[in-house]
Amino acid sequence: MADITVSGMMIEGLRADCRVLQTSSRRWALTGPGTDELRDGQDVTVTGHAELGAKNPCGQVFVVSAIH
């Protein structure tokens, strides 16, 4: 699967350990290196890929390979 780059704002998830990125078109549950340090209200751009069919309690999974 090809990597894509998405931008948006980090928002509060259903649980304290959720890292949710709200883009103009959807919400992504971010996983991967460095995502634990992202905070609510932060504008962020990430590169990675969607894990289609994979969901966790935080939402649709997006596996981050780079944070810009």
Protein backbone atom coordinates (compact mmCIF):
# COMPACT_ATOMS: atom_id res chain seq x y z
CA MET A 1 0.00 0.00 0.00
CA ALA A 2 1.37 3.42 -0.95
CA ASP A 3 2.00 6.02 1.72
CA ILE A 4 -0.08 9.20 1.77
CA THR A 5 0.36 12.48 3.62
CA VAL A 6 -2.51 13.99 5.61
CA SER A 7 -2.82 17.15 7.71
CA GLY A 8 -5.19 18.20 10.43
CA MET A 9 -5.63 18.92 14.11
CA MET A 10 -5.22 16.50 16.96
CA ILE A 11 -8.46 16.10 18.92
CA GLU A 12 -9.49 14.32 22.10
CA GLY A 13 -10.27 10.64 21.62
CA LEU A 14 -12.68 8.41 23.50
CA ARG A 15 -9.84 7.18 25.71
CA ALA A 16 -6.78 8.91 27.13
CA ASP A 17 -4.44 6.79 24.98
CA CYS A 18 -6.22 7.65 21.70
CA ARG A 19 -4.29 9.83 19.26
CA VAL A 20 -6.95 11.14 16.86
CA LEU A 21 -6.21 13.35 13.86
CA GLN A 22 -9.19 15.30 12.46
CA THR A 23 -8.62 16.13 8.78
CA SER A 24 -10.99 18.01 6.48
CA SER A 25 -12.59 14.73 5.44
CA ARG A 26 -12.24 12.20 8.28
CA ARG A 27 -10.80 11.18 11.62
CA TRP A 28 -7.78 8.90 11.88
CA ALA A 29 -6.56 6.95 14.91
CA LEU A 30 -2.80 7.40 14.66
CA THR A 31 -0.34 4.67 15.60
CA GLY A 32 3.38 4.39 15.06
CA PRO A 33 6.62 6.02 16.18
CA GLY A 34 6.27 9.43 17.79
CA THR A 35 2.47 9.48 17.93
CA ASP A 36 2.42 9.20 21.74
CA GLU A 37 3.88 12.70 21.92
CA LEU A 38 1.12 14.37 19.85
CA ARG A 39 -1.30 16.48 21.90
CA ASP A 40 -4.86 17.78 21.51
CA GLY A 41 -5.06 21.07 19.61
CA GLN A 42 -1.77 20.50 17.79
CA ASP A 43 -1.73 21.04 14.01
CA VAL A 44 0.14 18.14 12.45
CA THR A 45 1.06 16.61 9.11
CA VAL A 46 1.85 12.89 8.96
CA THR A 47 2.83 10.40 6.30
CA GLY A 48 1.84 6.77 6.43
CA HIS A 49 -0.92 4.42 5.35
CA ALA A 50 -4.42 3.40 6.36
CA GLU A 51 -4.90 -0.08 7.73
CA LEU A 52 -8.08 -0.79 5.80
CA GLY A 53 -10.46 -2.99 7.74
CA ALA A 54 -8.52 -2.41 10.96
CA LYS A 55 -10.27 -0.47 13.68
CA ASN A 56 -9.48 0.09 17.27
CA PRO A 57 -11.59 1.80 19.95
CA CYS A 58 -10.13 5.14 18.80
CA GLY A 59 -11.30 4.85 15.16
CA GLN A 60 -9.91 4.01 11.70
CA VAL A 61 -6.23 3.13 12.02
CA PHE A 62 -3.55 5.18 10.23
CA VAL A 63 0.00 3.83 10.64
CA VAL A 64 2.40 6.77 10.75
CA SER A 65 5.84 6.44 9.20
CA ALA A 66 6.83 10.14 9.56
CA ILE A 67 5.63 13.22 11.44
CA HIS A 68 6.38 16.53 9.71
